[in-house]
Amino acid sequence: MAGINPRAARIAALIQRVIASSMERTLHDKRLTGVTITDVRVTGDLQIARVFWTQLGQEGKAQGERKRAEQALKQATGKLRSLVGSKAGLRLTPQLRFVYDEVPSEAHEIEDILTVAHKRDEELAKTRETARYAGGEDPYVESRRKKTAADFEDDGGFEE
C-alpha cells in the first residue's frame, strides 16, 4: 500500500467526528444505541467514504440489534451526508458506505483463546511443582555428574 493521501486522511477524520457527534445530537434513533464509529476510509479521489462501525449489544440479542442499527444507518445516510457536506465545505461530498467492523468481535475471540491458554499454562505449572518420577529419582543423574579424580582413586583406575 502506497502512501496515504494526507487530504483524504484529514477528511476521513472530519467525517468520523461529524458522524459520531451527529448520531448523538441530531439523530434520535434508539436503534443506534451503542453504535460506535471505529474508522473512516476515504478513497484517493474523495468520492467514497467507507464508514466502519460496531455496536455493543446485549448477549443473545446482538444479531437483531445489529440488523436494526444497519437499517437505521441506511435510512440516515442522506441526512448524515448532508451534515458532512455542510461541515466539511467540500465541493463534492463523498458517498457514505457503512460497513460493520468485525475487528472488535474477533479481538474478543482472540482474548478468550489467550485466557484459556493462560489458565492451561498455570495448571501445567502447578502440576510440574508436585511432579515426581514414576520409578523414583532420576536414574540418569549419576551419569550426568562430572567425574572427579576421587571417583577413579577407589578402584585403581589411574596408574601412575
Protein backbone atom coordinates (compact mmCIF):
# COMPACT_ATOMS: atom_id res chain seq x y z
CA MET A 1 0.00 0.00 0.00
CA ALA A 2 1.48 3.29 -1.10
CA GLY A 3 1.43 6.43 1.00
CA ILE A 4 -1.92 7.71 2.21
CA ASN A 5 -3.16 10.97 0.76
CA PRO A 6 -2.91 13.49 3.66
CA ARG A 7 -6.01 15.36 2.49
CA ALA A 8 -8.03 12.12 2.36
CA ALA A 9 -6.84 11.29 5.90
CA ARG A 10 -7.94 14.73 7.18
CA ILE A 11 -11.32 14.42 5.52
CA ALA A 12 -11.75 10.89 6.90
CA ALA A 13 -11.07 12.16 10.42
CA LEU A 14 -13.53 15.02 9.90
CA ILE A 15 -16.21 12.65 8.59
CA GLN A 16 -15.71 10.39 11.61
CA ARG A 17 -16.14 13.29 14.04
CA VAL A 18 -19.19 14.68 12.23
CA ILE A 19 -20.97 11.34 12.01
CA ALA A 20 -20.20 10.37 15.60
CA SER A 21 -21.40 13.69 17.01
CA SER A 22 -24.45 13.74 14.71
CA MET A 23 -25.51 10.30 15.87
CA GLU A 24 -25.55 11.58 19.44
CA ARG A 25 -27.07 15.04 18.88
CA THR A 26 -29.06 15.06 15.65
CA LEU A 27 -30.30 11.53 15.08
CA HIS A 28 -32.60 10.47 17.86
CA ASP A 29 -32.96 6.87 16.74
CA LYS A 30 -33.00 4.28 19.52
CA ARG A 31 -31.77 1.65 17.07
CA LEU A 32 -28.40 3.42 17.06
CA THR A 33 -27.86 2.95 20.79
CA GLY A 34 -24.40 1.57 21.43
CA VAL A 35 -23.17 2.22 17.86
CA THR A 36 -19.59 3.42 17.62
CA ILE A 37 -17.85 4.74 14.53
CA THR A 38 -14.49 2.96 14.62
CA ASP A 39 -12.86 4.19 11.41
CA VAL A 40 -13.47 6.06 8.17
CA ARG A 41 -11.52 5.47 4.97
CA VAL A 42 -11.86 7.80 2.04
CA THR A 43 -10.79 6.89 -1.48
CA GLY A 44 -7.98 8.93 -3.03
CA ASP A 45 -10.41 10.81 -5.30
CA LEU A 46 -12.60 11.67 -2.27
CA GLN A 47 -15.70 10.18 -3.90
CA ILE A 48 -16.47 7.33 -1.47
CA ALA A 49 -16.12 7.18 2.29
CA ARG A 50 -16.35 3.76 3.93
CA VAL A 51 -17.56 4.27 7.48
CA PHE A 52 -16.72 1.34 9.78
CA TRP A 53 -18.99 0.89 12.78
CA THR A 54 -19.56 -1.54 15.58
CA GLN A 55 -22.17 -1.96 18.26
CA LEU A 56 -22.11 -3.13 21.82
CA GLY A 57 -25.17 -5.29 22.17
CA GLN A 58 -26.78 -7.41 24.81
CA GLU A 59 -25.80 -11.06 24.96
CA GLY A 60 -28.08 -13.11 22.74
CA LYS A 61 -29.69 -10.06 21.11
CA ALA A 62 -26.62 -8.72 19.32
CA GLN A 63 -27.55 -10.07 15.88
CA GLY A 64 -31.02 -8.47 15.89
CA GLU A 65 -29.71 -5.19 17.26
CA ARG A 66 -27.04 -5.15 14.59
CA LYS A 67 -29.63 -5.57 11.80
CA ARG A 68 -31.80 -2.79 13.24
CA ALA A 69 -28.79 -0.47 13.56
CA GLU A 70 -27.80 -1.28 9.98
CA GLN A 71 -31.30 -0.29 8.79
CA ALA A 72 -31.15 2.93 10.82
CA LEU A 73 -27.78 3.86 9.33
CA LYS A 74 -29.06 3.12 5.83
CA GLN A 75 -32.08 5.38 6.42
CA ALA A 76 -29.94 8.17 7.90
CA THR A 77 -27.28 8.09 5.16
CA GLY A 78 -28.72 11.09 3.26
CA LYS A 79 -29.02 13.26 6.35
CA LEU A 80 -25.53 12.30 7.54
CA ARG A 81 -24.08 13.03 4.10
CA SER A 82 -25.66 16.49 4.03
CA LEU A 83 -24.28 17.19 7.53
CA VAL A 84 -20.82 16.08 6.42
CA GLY A 85 -21.09 18.30 3.33
CA SER A 86 -22.07 21.37 5.35
CA LYS A 87 -19.31 20.83 7.94
CA ALA A 88 -16.54 19.87 5.51
CA GLY A 89 -17.10 22.63 2.95
CA LEU A 90 -16.24 20.32 0.07
CA ARG A 91 -17.36 20.87 -3.49
CA LEU A 92 -18.37 17.21 -3.72
CA THR A 93 -19.42 15.34 -0.60
CA PRO A 94 -18.29 11.70 -0.60
CA GLN A 95 -20.85 8.93 -0.73
CA LEU A 96 -21.15 7.22 2.66
CA ARG A 97 -21.00 3.45 2.76
CA PHE A 98 -21.47 1.89 6.16
CA VAL A 99 -19.51 -1.31 6.82
CA TYR A 100 -19.84 -3.35 10.00
CA ASP A 101 -16.42 -3.62 11.66
CA GLU A 102 -15.64 -7.25 12.52
CA VAL A 103 -12.33 -6.49 14.26
CA PRO A 104 -13.66 -5.89 17.82
CA SER A 105 -15.61 -9.16 17.88
CA GLU A 106 -12.61 -11.05 16.51
CA ALA A 107 -10.41 -9.40 19.14
CA HIS A 108 -12.72 -10.69 21.88
CA GLU A 109 -12.46 -14.20 20.46
CA ILE A 110 -8.66 -13.98 20.47
CA GLU A 111 -8.69 -12.68 24.05
CA ASP A 112 -10.87 -15.63 25.09
CA ILE A 113 -8.47 -18.09 23.45
CA LEU A 114 -5.49 -16.45 25.17
CA THR A 115 -7.26 -16.59 28.54
CA VAL A 116 -7.90 -20.33 28.14
CA ALA A 117 -4.26 -20.89 27.14
CA HIS A 118 -3.04 -18.91 30.15
CA LYS A 119 -5.20 -21.00 32.51
CA ARG A 120 -3.81 -24.20 30.99
CA ASP A 121 -0.27 -22.92 31.47
CA GLU A 122 -0.99 -22.17 35.14
CA GLU A 123 -2.43 -25.65 35.66
CA LEU A 124 0.61 -27.22 33.99
CA ALA A 125 2.97 -25.18 36.19
CA LYS A 126 1.14 -26.38 39.31
CA THR A 127 1.38 -29.97 38.10
CA ARG A 128 5.11 -29.61 37.47
CA GLU A 129 5.71 -28.35 41.02
CA THR A 130 4.42 -31.58 42.56
CA ALA A 131 5.56 -33.95 39.80
CA ARG A 132 7.68 -36.97 40.71
CA TYR A 133 9.39 -39.53 38.56
CA ALA A 134 7.45 -42.75 38.08
CA GLY A 135 10.35 -45.03 39.04
CA GLY A 136 11.73 -42.95 41.85
CA GLU A 137 14.57 -40.49 41.48
CA ASP A 138 16.02 -39.77 38.07
CA PRO A 139 18.34 -42.71 37.24
CA TYR A 140 20.40 -40.62 34.89
CA VAL A 141 21.54 -38.07 37.46
CA GLU A 142 24.63 -40.14 38.37
CA SER A 143 25.73 -40.50 34.78
CA ARG A 144 25.40 -36.76 34.13
CA ARG A 145 27.54 -35.79 37.12
CA LYS A 146 31.12 -34.91 36.21
CA LYS A 147 33.59 -37.47 37.38
CA THR A 148 36.40 -36.24 39.53
CA ALA A 149 39.78 -37.73 40.35
CA ALA A 150 38.35 -39.03 43.66
CA ASP A 151 35.90 -41.22 41.72
CA PHE A 152 38.78 -43.01 39.99
CA GLU A 153 41.03 -43.46 43.06
CA ASP A 154 38.93 -46.09 44.82
CA ASP A 155 39.03 -48.69 42.10
CA GLY A 156 42.58 -48.12 40.98
CA GLY A 157 41.58 -46.80 37.61
CA PHE A 158 44.60 -44.50 37.50
CA GLU A 159 48.04 -45.99 37.43
CA GLU A 160 50.97 -43.79 37.95
